[in-house]
Protein backbone atom coordinates (compact mmCIF):
# COMPACT_ATOMS: atom_id res chain seq x y z
CA MET A 1 153.84 -14.82 -87.97
CA GLY A 2 152.25 -11.21 -85.52
CA ILE A 3 151.17 -10.48 -89.47
CA ILE A 4 149.35 -13.12 -90.07
CA LEU A 5 147.83 -13.15 -86.85
CA THR A 6 146.53 -9.70 -87.18
CA PHE A 7 145.06 -10.45 -91.09
CA ILE A 8 143.26 -12.86 -89.67
CA PHE A 9 141.60 -11.03 -86.83
CA LEU A 10 140.73 -8.10 -89.81
CA VAL A 11 139.44 -11.01 -91.71
CA ILE A 12 137.17 -12.46 -89.44
CA PHE A 13 135.99 -8.50 -88.37
CA VAL A 14 135.00 -7.67 -92.01
CA ILE A 15 133.05 -10.92 -92.57
CA GLN A 16 131.24 -10.28 -89.24
CA ILE A 17 130.63 -6.03 -89.36
CA ALA A 18 129.55 -6.47 -93.26
CA ASP A 19 126.15 -7.51 -92.18
CA LEU A 20 126.18 -5.64 -88.67
CA ILE A 21 126.52 -2.39 -90.78
CA GLN A 22 123.38 -3.40 -93.40
CA LYS A 23 121.11 -3.81 -90.21
CA ARG A 24 122.45 -0.69 -88.65
CA GLN A 25 123.14 -2.77 -85.39
CA TRP A 26 125.69 0.08 -83.90
CA LYS A 27 125.98 -1.48 -80.37
CA GLU A 28 127.13 -4.72 -81.42
CA ILE A 29 129.68 -3.15 -83.70
CA MET A 30 131.00 -1.61 -80.94
CA VAL A 31 130.85 -4.66 -78.53
CA LEU A 32 132.31 -6.79 -81.93
CA SER A 33 135.04 -4.64 -81.86
CA VAL A 34 136.24 -4.58 -78.85
CA LEU A 35 136.08 -8.12 -78.30
CA LEU A 36 137.90 -8.80 -81.05
CA LEU A 37 140.46 -6.33 -80.25
CA LEU A 38 140.81 -7.64 -77.04
CA GLY A 39 141.10 -11.35 -78.31
CA ALA A 40 143.89 -9.80 -80.96
CA LEU A 41 146.26 -8.11 -78.47
CA TYR A 42 145.66 -11.05 -75.85
CA SER A 43 146.72 -13.17 -78.84
CA LEU A 44 149.76 -10.68 -80.25
CA GLY A 45 150.54 -11.13 -76.18
CA GLN A 46 150.94 -15.09 -76.52
CA LEU A 47 153.07 -14.62 -79.54
CA TYR A 48 155.37 -12.39 -78.62
CA ASP A 49 155.75 -13.40 -74.44
CA TRP A 50 153.95 -10.35 -73.18
CA PRO A 51 153.74 -10.10 -69.50
CA LEU A 52 149.89 -10.79 -69.63
CA PRO A 53 147.34 -10.57 -66.55
CA ASN A 54 146.11 -14.16 -65.35
CA PRO A 55 142.41 -14.58 -64.19
CA ASN A 56 143.57 -17.92 -62.18
CA ARG A 57 145.59 -15.45 -59.95
CA LYS A 58 142.85 -13.57 -58.74
CA MET A 59 140.30 -16.68 -58.37
CA GLU A 60 143.45 -18.23 -56.03
CA GLN A 61 143.33 -14.79 -54.18
CA ILE A 62 139.76 -14.91 -53.71
CA SER A 63 139.24 -18.38 -52.83
CA GLU A 64 142.25 -19.12 -50.47
CA PRO A 65 140.60 -17.73 -47.45
CA PHE A 66 137.67 -19.99 -48.19
CA CYS A 67 139.68 -23.04 -48.68
CA ARG A 68 141.65 -22.20 -45.42
CA MET A 69 138.54 -22.43 -43.62
CA LEU A 70 137.29 -25.55 -44.96
CA LYS A 71 140.51 -27.61 -44.24
CA LYS A 72 140.34 -25.89 -40.37
CA ARG A 73 137.16 -27.41 -40.31
CA PHE A 74 136.96 -30.29 -42.31
CA LEU A 75 140.75 -31.85 -41.61
């Protein structure tokens, strides 16, 4: 299954990059490469149950003091 997923990302990359190379948009190629690489790694991590960073945890840590303050003030 991982090979199929990798192949799908490679097909998307080749389709997208062909036009960018023709137009010589090197910055866009780099951005596309980084984003597709991150997407592929995260997808493989989901597939193989790798421990992945959870952005919700960080958001909870940031918003928790504010929520506690609101609860004290209004409840």
